[in-house]
N, C-alpha and C. Protein backbone atom coordinates (compact mmCIF):
# COMPACT_ATOMS: atom_id res chain seq x y z
N MET A 1 9.73 146.69 -32.08
CA MET A 1 9.14 147.65 -31.78
C MET A 1 9.52 148.56 -30.71
N THR A 2 9.66 149.86 -30.64
CA THR A 2 9.99 150.45 -29.21
C THR A 2 9.23 151.59 -29.37
N GLY A 3 8.08 152.12 -28.80
CA GLY A 3 7.20 153.06 -28.87
C GLY A 3 7.18 153.77 -30.09
N GLY A 4 6.58 152.81 -31.04
CA GLY A 4 6.64 153.44 -32.55
C GLY A 4 7.69 153.18 -33.44
N GLN A 5 8.83 153.13 -32.85
CA GLN A 5 9.89 153.23 -33.70
C GLN A 5 10.40 151.63 -33.99
N PHE A 6 11.30 151.32 -34.87
CA PHE A 6 11.76 150.23 -35.36
C PHE A 6 12.97 150.21 -35.64
N ILE A 7 13.89 148.91 -35.31
CA ILE A 7 14.97 149.04 -35.82
C ILE A 7 15.29 148.62 -37.13
N GLU A 8 16.16 149.20 -38.04
CA GLU A 8 16.45 148.91 -39.57
C GLU A 8 17.84 148.71 -39.71
N ARG A 9 18.08 147.99 -40.96
CA ARG A 9 19.54 148.12 -41.00
C ARG A 9 19.88 148.84 -41.90
N ILE A 10 21.08 149.69 -41.81
CA ILE A 10 21.49 150.74 -42.64
C ILE A 10 22.85 150.50 -43.05
N SER A 11 23.42 150.54 -44.06
CA SER A 11 24.49 150.57 -44.77
C SER A 11 25.83 151.66 -43.76
N VAL A 12 26.84 150.88 -43.46
CA VAL A 12 27.73 151.54 -42.66
C VAL A 12 28.08 152.85 -43.55
N PHE A 13 28.13 152.99 -44.68
CA PHE A 13 28.55 154.00 -45.80
C PHE A 13 27.69 154.96 -45.50
N SER A 14 26.46 154.96 -45.05
CA SER A 14 25.21 155.72 -45.00
C SER A 14 25.50 156.71 -43.83
N LEU A 15 26.14 156.04 -42.71
CA LEU A 15 26.05 156.91 -41.55
C LEU A 15 27.20 157.71 -41.27
N ARG A 16 26.80 158.83 -40.62
CA ARG A 16 27.37 160.01 -40.47
C ARG A 16 27.82 160.31 -39.06
N ALA A 17 29.19 160.40 -38.73
CA ALA A 17 29.59 160.56 -37.12
C ALA A 17 28.84 161.60 -36.97
N TYR A 18 28.92 162.07 -35.73
CA TYR A 18 28.45 163.34 -35.28
C TYR A 18 29.87 164.20 -35.25
N PRO A 19 29.96 165.49 -35.53
CA PRO A 19 31.25 165.61 -35.81
C PRO A 19 31.97 166.57 -34.51
N PHE A 20 31.21 166.79 -33.35
CA PHE A 20 31.50 167.14 -32.35
C PHE A 20 31.46 166.03 -30.92
N ASN A 21 31.53 164.61 -31.63
CA ASN A 21 31.69 163.81 -30.55
C ASN A 21 32.43 163.73 -29.65
N ALA A 22 32.48 164.22 -28.19
CA ALA A 22 33.71 164.26 -27.32
C ALA A 22 34.14 162.89 -26.90
N ARG A 23 33.41 162.04 -26.98
CA ARG A 23 33.44 160.57 -26.82
C ARG A 23 34.67 159.89 -27.59
N THR A 24 35.87 159.29 -26.96
CA THR A 24 36.84 158.86 -27.87
C THR A 24 36.94 157.10 -27.63
N HIS A 25 37.05 156.54 -28.70
CA HIS A 25 37.59 155.39 -28.81
C HIS A 25 39.00 154.71 -29.10
N SER A 26 39.47 154.20 -28.15
CA SER A 26 40.83 153.68 -28.75
C SER A 26 40.90 152.36 -29.52
N ASP A 27 41.79 152.27 -30.24
CA ASP A 27 41.85 150.80 -31.14
C ASP A 27 41.68 149.61 -30.24
N ALA A 28 42.29 149.80 -29.03
CA ALA A 28 42.02 148.39 -28.27
C ALA A 28 40.27 148.20 -27.52
N GLN A 29 39.93 149.34 -27.34
CA GLN A 29 38.43 149.35 -27.03
C GLN A 29 37.34 149.10 -28.37
N VAL A 30 37.71 149.54 -29.45
CA VAL A 30 37.23 149.17 -30.68
C VAL A 30 37.12 147.65 -30.78
N GLN A 31 38.29 147.04 -30.43
CA GLN A 31 38.44 145.88 -30.59
C GLN A 31 37.78 144.79 -29.63
N GLN A 32 37.58 145.51 -28.57
CA GLN A 32 36.94 144.80 -27.33
C GLN A 32 35.28 144.82 -28.13
N ILE A 33 34.88 145.81 -28.55
CA ILE A 33 33.40 145.98 -28.95
C ILE A 33 33.29 145.02 -30.18
N ALA A 34 34.34 144.63 -31.07
CA ALA A 34 34.34 143.83 -32.19
C ALA A 34 34.01 142.66 -31.60
N ASP A 35 34.96 142.18 -30.74
CA ASP A 35 34.94 141.00 -30.14
C ASP A 35 33.86 140.33 -29.29
N SER A 36 33.06 141.37 -28.60
CA SER A 36 31.90 141.26 -28.08
C SER A 36 30.65 141.08 -29.24
N ILE A 37 30.84 141.70 -30.18
CA ILE A 37 29.51 141.57 -31.34
C ILE A 37 30.04 140.46 -32.00
N ARG A 38 31.32 139.99 -32.09
CA ARG A 38 31.47 138.67 -32.63
C ARG A 38 30.75 137.44 -31.83
N GLU A 39 31.05 137.48 -30.39
CA GLU A 39 30.34 136.73 -29.31
C GLU A 39 28.95 136.56 -29.25
N PHE A 40 28.43 137.93 -29.09
CA PHE A 40 26.87 137.89 -28.69
C PHE A 40 26.04 138.43 -29.70
N GLY A 41 26.76 139.01 -30.75
CA GLY A 41 26.17 139.31 -31.91
C GLY A 41 25.76 140.72 -31.67
N PHE A 42 25.20 141.51 -32.48
CA PHE A 42 25.19 143.19 -32.71
C PHE A 42 23.84 143.42 -31.66
N THR A 43 23.98 143.37 -30.43
CA THR A 43 22.81 143.46 -29.52
C THR A 43 22.28 144.79 -29.29
N ASN A 44 22.87 145.90 -29.62
CA ASN A 44 22.74 147.32 -28.93
C ASN A 44 22.66 148.11 -30.60
N PRO A 45 21.44 148.35 -31.04
CA PRO A 45 21.44 149.14 -32.01
C PRO A 45 22.22 150.40 -32.03
N ILE A 46 22.65 151.17 -33.10
CA ILE A 46 23.52 152.29 -33.19
C ILE A 46 22.06 153.44 -33.28
N LEU A 47 22.06 154.49 -32.85
CA LEU A 47 20.89 155.30 -32.40
C LEU A 47 21.42 156.52 -33.45
N VAL A 48 20.29 156.85 -34.42
CA VAL A 48 21.07 157.89 -35.51
C VAL A 48 19.31 158.90 -35.61
N ASP A 49 19.74 160.21 -36.17
CA ASP A 49 18.90 160.82 -36.33
C ASP A 49 17.90 160.70 -37.74
N ARG A 50 17.35 161.40 -38.34
CA ARG A 50 16.39 161.50 -39.57
C ARG A 50 17.74 161.41 -40.72
N ASP A 51 18.60 162.04 -40.56
CA ASP A 51 19.64 161.91 -41.48
C ASP A 51 21.06 161.20 -41.37
N ASN A 52 20.59 160.18 -40.74
CA ASN A 52 21.46 159.19 -40.30
C ASN A 52 22.74 159.44 -39.73
N MET A 53 22.80 160.77 -38.94
CA MET A 53 23.77 161.02 -38.00
C MET A 53 23.74 160.14 -36.81
N ILE A 54 24.76 159.86 -36.41
CA ILE A 54 24.79 159.08 -35.06
C ILE A 54 24.85 159.73 -34.00
N LEU A 55 23.60 159.31 -33.00
CA LEU A 55 23.82 159.93 -31.84
C LEU A 55 24.21 159.26 -30.50
N ALA A 56 24.40 157.67 -30.93
CA ALA A 56 24.92 157.01 -30.01
C ALA A 56 25.46 155.73 -31.00
N GLY A 57 26.65 155.45 -30.44
CA GLY A 57 27.19 154.29 -31.17
C GLY A 57 28.44 154.13 -31.99
N HIS A 58 29.06 155.31 -31.84
CA HIS A 58 30.16 155.72 -32.63
C HIS A 58 31.36 154.43 -32.56
N GLY A 59 31.47 154.11 -31.26
CA GLY A 59 32.25 152.75 -31.35
C GLY A 59 31.53 151.54 -31.76
N ARG A 60 30.46 151.08 -31.69
CA ARG A 60 30.03 149.98 -32.32
C ARG A 60 30.05 150.38 -34.05
N LEU A 61 29.87 151.23 -34.45
CA LEU A 61 30.22 151.61 -35.97
C LEU A 61 31.74 151.38 -36.22
N ALA A 62 32.64 151.77 -35.58
CA ALA A 62 34.03 151.47 -35.91
C ALA A 62 34.15 149.90 -35.56
N ALA A 63 33.45 149.10 -34.75
CA ALA A 63 33.72 147.90 -34.54
C ALA A 63 32.94 147.05 -35.73
N ALA A 64 31.89 147.59 -36.30
CA ALA A 64 31.34 146.79 -37.47
C ALA A 64 32.21 147.08 -38.80
N GLU A 65 33.11 148.13 -38.74
CA GLU A 65 33.80 148.36 -40.06
C GLU A 65 35.26 147.50 -39.82
N LEU A 66 35.80 147.14 -38.27
CA LEU A 66 36.73 146.50 -38.33
C LEU A 66 36.23 144.86 -38.58
N LEU A 67 34.68 144.50 -38.61
CA LEU A 67 34.51 143.23 -38.84
C LEU A 67 34.11 143.29 -40.15
N GLY A 68 34.09 144.37 -41.06
CA GLY A 68 33.66 144.30 -42.23
C GLY A 68 32.18 144.01 -42.62
N MET A 69 31.48 144.61 -41.78
CA MET A 69 29.96 144.29 -41.58
C MET A 69 29.60 145.49 -42.67
N PRO A 70 28.44 144.92 -43.78
CA PRO A 70 28.24 145.84 -44.75
C PRO A 70 26.90 147.04 -44.10
N ASP A 71 26.22 146.28 -43.25
CA ASP A 71 24.99 147.43 -42.58
C ASP A 71 25.19 146.81 -41.33
N VAL A 72 24.45 147.88 -40.43
CA VAL A 72 24.05 147.56 -39.00
C VAL A 72 22.69 147.73 -38.56
N PRO A 73 22.51 147.25 -37.29
CA PRO A 73 21.20 147.57 -36.91
C PRO A 73 20.98 149.05 -36.25
N CYS A 74 20.02 149.87 -36.63
CA CYS A 74 20.05 151.23 -36.30
C CYS A 74 18.53 151.68 -35.74
N LEU A 75 18.38 152.24 -34.73
CA LEU A 75 17.28 152.90 -34.39
C LEU A 75 17.12 154.31 -34.51
N ARG A 76 16.12 154.77 -34.99
CA ARG A 76 15.91 156.24 -35.63
C ARG A 76 15.41 157.06 -34.61
N LEU A 77 15.83 158.03 -34.27
CA LEU A 77 15.33 159.12 -33.24
C LEU A 77 14.88 160.37 -34.13
N THR A 78 13.86 160.57 -34.42
CA THR A 78 13.34 161.60 -35.06
C THR A 78 12.67 162.82 -34.07
N ASP A 79 12.40 162.35 -33.03
CA ASP A 79 11.36 163.47 -32.12
C ASP A 79 12.40 164.53 -31.44
N LEU A 80 13.98 164.43 -31.64
CA LEU A 80 14.88 165.30 -30.95
C LEU A 80 15.17 166.51 -31.65
N ASP A 81 15.18 167.67 -31.11
CA ASP A 81 15.58 168.89 -31.76
C ASP A 81 17.17 169.16 -31.48
N ASP A 82 17.73 169.94 -32.42
CA ASP A 82 19.07 169.80 -32.29
C ASP A 82 19.55 170.15 -30.94
N ALA A 83 19.13 170.77 -29.94
CA ALA A 83 20.02 170.99 -28.87
C ALA A 83 19.71 169.64 -27.85
N GLN A 84 18.60 169.08 -28.13
CA GLN A 84 18.20 167.49 -27.38
C GLN A 84 19.29 166.66 -28.28
N LYS A 85 19.36 166.78 -29.21
CA LYS A 85 20.42 165.65 -29.73
C LYS A 85 21.87 165.99 -29.20
N ARG A 86 22.27 167.19 -29.57
CA ARG A 86 23.87 167.40 -28.59
C ARG A 86 23.61 166.98 -27.14
N ALA A 87 22.08 167.01 -26.44
CA ALA A 87 22.66 166.94 -25.13
C ALA A 87 22.44 165.56 -24.77
N TYR A 88 22.04 164.75 -25.70
CA TYR A 88 21.63 162.96 -25.39
C TYR A 88 23.00 162.70 -25.65
N ILE A 89 23.70 162.98 -26.62
CA ILE A 89 25.02 162.42 -27.30
C ILE A 89 26.00 162.63 -25.92
N LEU A 90 25.80 163.48 -25.21
CA LEU A 90 26.72 163.52 -24.09
C LEU A 90 25.98 162.83 -22.87
N ALA A 91 24.71 162.56 -22.74
CA ALA A 91 24.12 162.07 -21.48
C ALA A 91 24.41 160.33 -21.80
N ASP A 92 24.08 160.27 -23.26
CA ASP A 92 24.43 158.61 -23.45
C ASP A 92 25.82 158.18 -22.83
N ASN A 93 26.74 158.96 -23.19
CA ASN A 93 28.23 158.73 -22.97
C ASN A 93 28.57 158.77 -21.40
N LYS A 94 27.83 159.93 -20.69
CA LYS A 94 28.25 160.13 -19.48
C LYS A 94 27.42 159.00 -18.44
N LEU A 95 26.30 158.85 -18.80
CA LEU A 95 25.57 158.26 -17.45
C LEU A 95 25.87 156.82 -17.37
N ALA A 96 26.49 156.02 -18.53
CA ALA A 96 26.96 154.86 -18.46
C ALA A 96 28.20 154.68 -17.38
N THR A 97 28.83 155.97 -17.51
CA THR A 97 30.24 155.99 -16.55
C THR A 97 29.94 156.18 -15.15
N ASN A 98 28.98 156.70 -14.80
CA ASN A 98 28.36 156.75 -13.65
C ASN A 98 27.87 155.67 -12.67
N ALA A 99 27.61 154.61 -13.65
CA ALA A 99 27.41 153.64 -12.83
C ALA A 99 28.60 152.82 -11.95
N GLY A 100 28.53 151.97 -11.10
CA GLY A 100 29.34 151.30 -10.32
C GLY A 100 29.26 149.95 -10.43
N TRP A 101 30.08 149.27 -9.78
CA TRP A 101 30.03 147.75 -9.66
C TRP A 101 29.69 147.27 -8.10
N ASP A 102 29.12 145.97 -7.99
CA ASP A 102 28.98 145.42 -6.62
C ASP A 102 29.93 144.10 -6.71
N ASN A 103 31.09 144.46 -6.13
CA ASN A 103 32.32 143.72 -6.28
C ASN A 103 32.02 142.22 -6.20
N ASN A 104 31.07 142.16 -5.00
CA ASN A 104 31.19 140.84 -4.55
C ASN A 104 30.49 139.88 -5.56
N LEU A 105 29.51 140.56 -6.17
CA LEU A 105 28.60 139.90 -7.04
C LEU A 105 29.41 139.65 -8.41
N LEU A 106 29.92 140.54 -8.69
CA LEU A 106 30.87 140.62 -10.31
C LEU A 106 31.85 139.50 -10.04
N ARG A 107 32.36 139.37 -8.89
CA ARG A 107 33.34 138.35 -8.73
C ARG A 107 32.60 136.91 -8.59
N LEU A 108 31.43 136.80 -8.03
CA LEU A 108 30.69 135.61 -8.16
C LEU A 108 30.54 135.21 -9.53
N GLU A 109 30.26 136.20 -10.36
CA GLU A 109 29.77 136.16 -11.99
C GLU A 109 30.87 135.88 -12.66
N LEU A 110 32.31 136.22 -12.39
CA LEU A 110 33.42 136.08 -13.01
C LEU A 110 34.16 134.57 -12.92
N VAL A 111 34.05 134.35 -11.44
CA VAL A 111 34.37 132.95 -11.01
C VAL A 111 33.63 131.71 -11.86
N GLU A 112 32.15 131.96 -11.71
CA GLU A 112 31.44 131.00 -12.47
C GLU A 112 31.70 130.93 -13.76
N LEU A 113 31.75 131.73 -14.35
CA LEU A 113 31.86 132.09 -15.89
C LEU A 113 33.31 131.49 -16.38
N ARG A 114 34.43 131.72 -15.47
CA ARG A 114 35.72 130.85 -15.60
C ARG A 114 35.45 129.75 -15.36
N ASN A 115 34.66 129.14 -14.28
CA ASN A 115 34.60 128.01 -13.89
C ASN A 115 34.01 127.14 -15.20
N GLU A 116 33.16 127.75 -15.75
CA GLU A 116 32.13 127.16 -16.74
C GLU A 116 33.01 126.97 -18.21
N GLY A 117 34.13 127.67 -18.24
CA GLY A 117 35.19 127.45 -19.33
C GLY A 117 35.00 128.80 -20.42
N PHE A 118 34.15 129.78 -19.77
CA PHE A 118 33.92 131.00 -20.78
C PHE A 118 34.99 131.64 -20.90
N ASP A 119 35.35 132.32 -22.02
CA ASP A 119 36.45 133.15 -22.35
C ASP A 119 36.15 134.71 -21.61
N LEU A 120 36.75 135.14 -20.54
CA LEU A 120 36.57 136.21 -19.83
C LEU A 120 36.99 137.57 -20.79
N GLY A 121 37.80 137.24 -21.84
CA GLY A 121 38.52 138.26 -22.44
C GLY A 121 37.74 139.04 -23.37
N VAL A 122 36.38 138.44 -23.50
CA VAL A 122 35.32 138.98 -24.56
C VAL A 122 34.37 140.08 -23.76
N ILE A 123 34.65 140.07 -22.60
CA ILE A 123 33.34 141.18 -21.77
C ILE A 123 33.93 142.47 -21.04
N GLY A 124 35.40 142.38 -21.40
CA GLY A 124 35.70 144.04 -21.47
C GLY A 124 36.41 144.46 -20.52
N PHE A 125 37.01 143.72 -19.64
CA PHE A 125 37.71 143.98 -18.30
C PHE A 125 39.28 143.24 -18.85
N SER A 126 40.18 144.33 -18.53
CA SER A 126 41.53 143.85 -18.56
C SER A 126 41.95 142.92 -18.28
N ASP A 127 43.29 142.36 -18.45
CA ASP A 127 43.73 141.04 -17.81
C ASP A 127 44.08 141.50 -16.26
N ASP A 128 44.74 143.03 -16.09
CA ASP A 128 45.08 143.28 -14.80
C ASP A 128 43.80 143.37 -14.05
N GLU A 129 42.63 143.74 -14.29
CA GLU A 129 41.53 143.88 -13.84
C GLU A 129 40.99 142.71 -13.26
N LEU A 130 41.12 141.59 -14.20
CA LEU A 130 40.61 140.35 -13.98
C LEU A 130 41.47 139.44 -12.99
N ASP A 131 42.47 139.87 -13.34
CA ASP A 131 43.59 139.05 -12.30
C ASP A 131 43.49 139.76 -10.76
N ALA A 132 43.14 140.98 -10.43
CA ALA A 132 43.11 141.66 -9.42
C ALA A 132 41.63 141.15 -8.51
N LEU A 133 40.52 140.70 -9.50
CA LEU A 133 39.51 140.26 -8.91
C LEU A 133 39.50 138.98 -8.44
N MET A 134 40.15 138.07 -9.32
CA MET A 134 40.28 136.69 -9.17
C MET A 134 41.37 136.49 -7.85
N LYS A 135 42.41 137.54 -7.89
CA LYS A 135 43.05 137.16 -6.75
C LYS A 135 42.37 137.53 -5.42
N ALA A 136 41.31 138.52 -5.35
CA ALA A 136 40.46 138.66 -4.23
C ALA A 136 39.89 137.38 -3.85
N VAL A 137 39.45 136.72 -4.78
CA VAL A 137 38.71 135.58 -4.58
C VAL A 137 39.65 134.50 -3.90
N GLU A 138 40.77 134.17 -4.42
CA GLU A 138 41.73 133.43 -4.20
C GLU A 138 42.34 133.61 -2.64
N ASP A 139 42.55 135.01 -2.53
CA ASP A 139 42.93 135.46 -0.86
C ASP A 139 41.82 135.40 -0.02
N GLY A 140 40.63 134.74 -0.58
CA GLY A 140 39.18 134.71 0.33
C GLY A 140 38.56 135.84 0.64
N GLY A 141 38.64 136.65 -0.12
CA GLY A 141 37.83 137.96 0.30
C GLY A 141 37.82 138.79 -1.14
N GLY A 142 37.50 140.03 -0.69
CA GLY A 142 37.04 141.13 -1.92
C GLY A 142 37.80 142.24 -1.17
N ASP A 143 37.02 143.67 -1.27
CA ASP A 143 37.75 144.65 -1.09
C ASP A 143 37.57 144.54 0.66
N ASP A 144 37.25 145.45 1.29
CA ASP A 144 37.06 145.64 2.87
C ASP A 144 36.03 145.06 3.03
N ASP A 145 35.05 144.54 2.20
CA ASP A 145 33.59 144.02 2.74
C ASP A 145 33.95 142.59 2.81
N GLU A 146 33.25 141.99 3.91
CA GLU A 146 33.33 140.34 3.97
C GLU A 146 32.03 139.91 3.44
N GLU A 147 32.18 138.93 2.63
CA GLU A 147 30.88 138.40 2.02
C GLU A 147 29.84 138.07 3.11
N PRO A 148 28.47 138.22 3.17
CA PRO A 148 27.96 137.99 4.61
C PRO A 148 27.74 136.65 4.28
N GLU A 149 27.25 135.84 5.49
CA GLU A 149 26.89 134.50 5.39
C GLU A 149 25.93 134.15 6.86
N PHE A 150 25.08 133.08 6.71
CA PHE A 150 24.45 132.60 7.65
C PHE A 150 24.53 131.10 7.54
N THR A 151 24.15 130.57 8.94
CA THR A 151 24.14 129.28 8.74
C THR A 151 22.82 128.31 9.17
N LEU A 152 22.76 127.37 7.99
CA LEU A 152 21.28 126.92 8.55
C LEU A 152 21.65 125.36 8.68
N THR A 153 21.05 124.76 9.42
CA THR A 153 21.08 123.39 9.80
C THR A 153 19.86 122.72 9.63
N ILE A 154 20.10 121.70 8.76
CA ILE A 154 18.88 120.75 8.16
C ILE A 154 18.98 119.60 9.02
N LYS A 155 17.77 119.20 9.75
CA LYS A 155 17.70 117.84 10.56
C LYS A 155 16.91 116.92 9.79
N SER A 156 17.19 115.60 9.97
CA SER A 156 16.28 114.76 9.46
C SER A 156 16.79 113.45 10.29
N LYS A 157 15.77 112.76 10.61
CA LYS A 157 16.18 111.32 10.91
C LYS A 157 16.37 110.36 9.95
N ASP A 158 16.06 110.88 8.79
CA ASP A 158 16.14 109.79 7.66
C ASP A 158 17.45 110.02 6.90
N GLU A 159 18.37 109.21 7.06
CA GLU A 159 20.10 109.63 6.59
C GLU A 159 19.55 109.57 5.15
N ALA A 160 18.79 109.12 4.35
CA ALA A 160 18.75 109.35 2.75
C ALA A 160 18.52 110.62 2.43
N GLU A 161 17.77 111.61 3.35
CA GLU A 161 17.02 112.84 3.01
C GLU A 161 18.08 113.60 2.95
N ILE A 162 19.17 113.44 4.26
CA ILE A 162 20.43 114.19 4.34
C ILE A 162 21.45 113.84 2.97
N ILE A 163 21.49 112.66 2.47
CA ILE A 163 22.32 112.44 1.53
C ILE A 163 21.99 113.23 0.29
N ALA A 164 20.85 113.06 0.14
CA ALA A 164 19.97 113.50 -1.33
C ALA A 164 20.36 114.98 -1.22
N LEU A 165 19.83 115.77 0.08
CA LEU A 165 20.19 117.18 0.27
C LEU A 165 21.72 117.45 -0.16
N ARG A 166 22.61 116.61 0.49
CA ARG A 166 24.19 116.98 -0.03
C ARG A 166 24.48 116.96 -1.21
N LYS A 167 23.78 115.86 -2.08
CA LYS A 167 24.15 115.72 -3.38
C LYS A 167 23.61 116.91 -4.07
N ILE A 168 22.15 117.25 -3.96
CA ILE A 168 21.64 118.48 -4.60
C ILE A 168 22.59 119.66 -4.37
N LEU A 169 22.69 120.08 -3.13
CA LEU A 169 23.75 121.16 -2.73
C LEU A 169 25.17 121.15 -2.99
N GLY A 170 25.55 119.89 -3.31
CA GLY A 170 27.14 119.68 -4.12
C GLY A 170 28.10 119.66 -2.56
N VAL A 171 27.45 119.44 -1.47
CA VAL A 171 28.17 119.15 -0.22
C VAL A 171 28.76 117.89 0.03
N LYS A 172 30.04 117.77 -0.03
CA LYS A 172 30.29 116.39 0.10
C LYS A 172 30.74 115.50 1.59
N LYS A 173 30.74 116.63 2.32
CA LYS A 173 30.71 116.33 3.71
C LYS A 173 29.58 116.38 4.74
N SER A 174 29.56 115.89 5.84
CA SER A 174 28.62 116.00 6.77
C SER A 174 28.40 117.54 6.91
N ALA A 175 29.29 118.46 7.13
CA ALA A 175 29.02 119.84 6.98
C ALA A 175 29.68 120.34 5.92
N GLY A 176 29.42 121.52 5.52
CA GLY A 176 29.78 122.34 4.30
C GLY A 176 29.28 123.39 4.05
N SER A 177 30.17 124.06 2.90
CA SER A 177 29.39 125.51 2.74
C SER A 177 29.04 125.37 1.30
N VAL A 178 27.85 126.28 0.94
CA VAL A 178 27.20 126.42 -0.12
C VAL A 178 26.98 127.70 -0.59
N SER A 179 27.20 127.95 -1.69
CA SER A 179 26.74 129.80 -1.98
C SER A 179 25.18 129.82 -2.08
N ALA A 180 24.97 130.81 -1.77
CA ALA A 180 23.65 131.35 -1.70
C ALA A 180 23.06 131.37 -3.05
N ARG A 181 23.84 131.73 -4.16
CA ARG A 181 23.47 131.39 -5.47
C ARG A 181 22.95 130.09 -6.09
N ALA A 182 24.01 129.10 -5.62
CA ALA A 182 23.82 127.57 -5.84
C ALA A 182 22.29 127.13 -5.35
N VAL A 183 21.83 127.70 -3.97
CA VAL A 183 20.75 127.33 -3.45
C VAL A 183 19.61 128.31 -4.05
N LEU A 184 19.88 129.22 -4.35
CA LEU A 184 18.81 130.40 -5.09
C LEU A 184 18.66 129.53 -6.61
N ALA A 185 19.24 129.16 -7.20
CA ALA A 185 19.17 128.52 -8.55
C ALA A 185 18.43 127.47 -8.46
N LEU A 186 18.17 126.52 -7.14
CA LEU A 186 17.31 125.58 -6.93
C LEU A 186 15.91 125.93 -6.52
N MET A 187 15.68 127.04 -6.55
CA MET A 187 14.51 127.53 -5.90
C MET A 187 13.57 127.79 -7.09
N PRO A 188 12.46 127.98 -6.87
CA PRO A 188 11.37 128.54 -8.27
C PRO A 188 11.64 129.60 -8.69
N GLY A 189 11.65 129.97 -9.72
CA GLY A 189 11.74 131.35 -10.45
C GLY A 189 11.22 132.42 -9.55
N ASP A 190 9.78 132.43 -9.37
CA ASP A 190 9.26 133.57 -8.68
C ASP A 190 9.45 134.13 -7.31
N MET A 191 10.43 133.73 -6.67
CA MET A 191 10.92 133.53 -5.64
C MET A 191 11.38 135.16 -5.26
């Protein structure tokens, strides 16, 4: 339930595309959306007005049709006037394209997912984009930004403590490098 609204399943044949939708979806992008739905489920409902006209989700509907889905989850927006609907259709599409990427964090996520054997093909990046990001990792860096780092020295007179810490952190030799993410993953969740 979202602000008095709820998600309902609506037949794909009952949904109407907004006739002046300025956003386009290539066949390749619709396939990417379909792959994402297949991998993760239909996690983002289509937004419709009281007459089942799509306000957001034309690409998701095309992907659902490609997958042969008989119905899709929809969220009905009934409080918008006609001008607000038209403006929202534009805003929903444009605002998402205004976001950027933190390339260092993006690379960390991609490398970890790849190392876990996850199929990176279902997350929407082209092979060329993935190759460029992975090449930056293999070349030891990223854009012009260097990944910031600091040195932490841990001392103990008890060799067993040092061995235990190296094992926990995955450091094989007496001195080594550990990602901040690996250390943070060991910390309590409320840090």
